[in-house]
Amino acid sequence: MAWTTFGTQQTQESVVETYDPNKSRTEVRQASPRKMNLRVLITSLCGIIILFAVIYLVYTLTQSNPN
């Protein structure tokens, strides 16, 4: 199946490059079985929570006592 994009003709097979000759085009487009995206998401979320906690502590500890 051929299609045209801005005057250049490409075949559908050339759109998805496979780096593993034993995998089909569908398997190449699937998610990582090792769940690396979830690991990055959880690590980033923990980092942001810790950062806000540190900023809040610094802000609270630097306030003067009300009289």
Protein backbone atom coordinates (compact mmCIF):
# COMPACT_ATOMS: atom_id res chain seq x y z
CA MET A 1 0.00 0.00 0.00
CA ALA A 2 1.53 3.29 -1.06
CA TRP A 3 0.57 6.74 0.14
CA THR A 4 1.78 10.25 -0.59
CA THR A 5 2.92 12.79 1.99
CA PHE A 6 3.92 16.25 0.74
CA GLY A 7 4.87 14.92 -2.67
CA THR A 8 6.98 11.99 -1.42
CA GLN A 9 5.74 8.47 -1.81
CA GLN A 10 6.25 5.99 1.03
CA THR A 11 5.21 2.42 1.47
CA GLN A 12 3.51 1.40 4.71
CA GLU A 13 6.20 -1.20 5.41
CA SER A 14 8.91 1.49 5.57
CA VAL A 15 7.10 3.49 8.27
CA VAL A 16 7.77 1.04 11.13
CA GLU A 17 11.40 -0.02 11.39
CA THR A 18 12.05 -3.31 13.15
CA TYR A 19 15.34 -3.75 14.96
CA ASP A 20 14.57 -7.38 15.76
CA PRO A 21 14.13 -9.59 12.68
CA ASN A 22 12.10 -12.11 14.70
CA LYS A 23 9.34 -9.62 15.58
CA SER A 24 6.38 -8.74 13.43
CA ARG A 25 5.21 -5.16 12.80
CA THR A 26 2.50 -5.53 15.46
CA GLU A 27 4.96 -6.76 18.10
CA VAL A 28 7.28 -3.82 17.44
CA ARG A 29 4.48 -1.34 18.23
CA GLN A 30 3.55 -2.97 21.55
CA ALA A 31 4.49 -1.61 24.97
CA SER A 32 7.59 -2.65 26.85
CA PRO A 33 7.04 -5.87 28.78
CA ARG A 34 9.51 -4.70 31.43
CA LYS A 35 7.24 -1.78 32.38
CA MET A 36 9.97 0.83 32.05
CA ASN A 37 7.40 3.61 31.53
CA LEU A 38 5.75 2.81 34.86
CA ARG A 39 9.12 2.84 36.60
CA VAL A 40 9.94 6.29 35.20
CA LEU A 41 6.49 7.62 36.10
CA ILE A 42 6.69 6.41 39.72
CA THR A 43 10.26 7.69 40.16
CA SER A 44 9.34 11.11 38.76
CA LEU A 45 6.24 11.34 40.94
CA CYS A 46 8.25 10.50 44.08
CA GLY A 47 10.88 13.07 43.11
CA ILE A 48 8.27 15.80 42.66
CA ILE A 49 6.61 14.98 46.00
CA ILE A 50 9.98 15.09 47.80
CA LEU A 51 10.86 18.39 46.08
CA PHE A 52 7.61 20.02 47.18
CA ALA A 53 8.06 18.69 50.72
CA VAL A 54 11.55 20.23 50.91
CA ILE A 55 10.31 23.56 49.52
CA TYR A 56 7.42 23.57 52.02
CA LEU A 57 9.75 22.80 54.94
CA VAL A 58 12.19 25.53 53.96
CA TYR A 59 9.33 28.01 53.54
CA THR A 60 7.79 27.06 56.91
CA LEU A 61 11.04 27.09 58.85
CA THR A 62 12.06 30.52 57.56
CA GLN A 63 8.82 32.23 58.70
CA SER A 64 8.98 34.37 61.79
CA ASN A 65 6.82 33.60 64.81
CA PRO A 66 3.62 35.68 65.08
CA ASN A 67 3.38 37.84 68.22
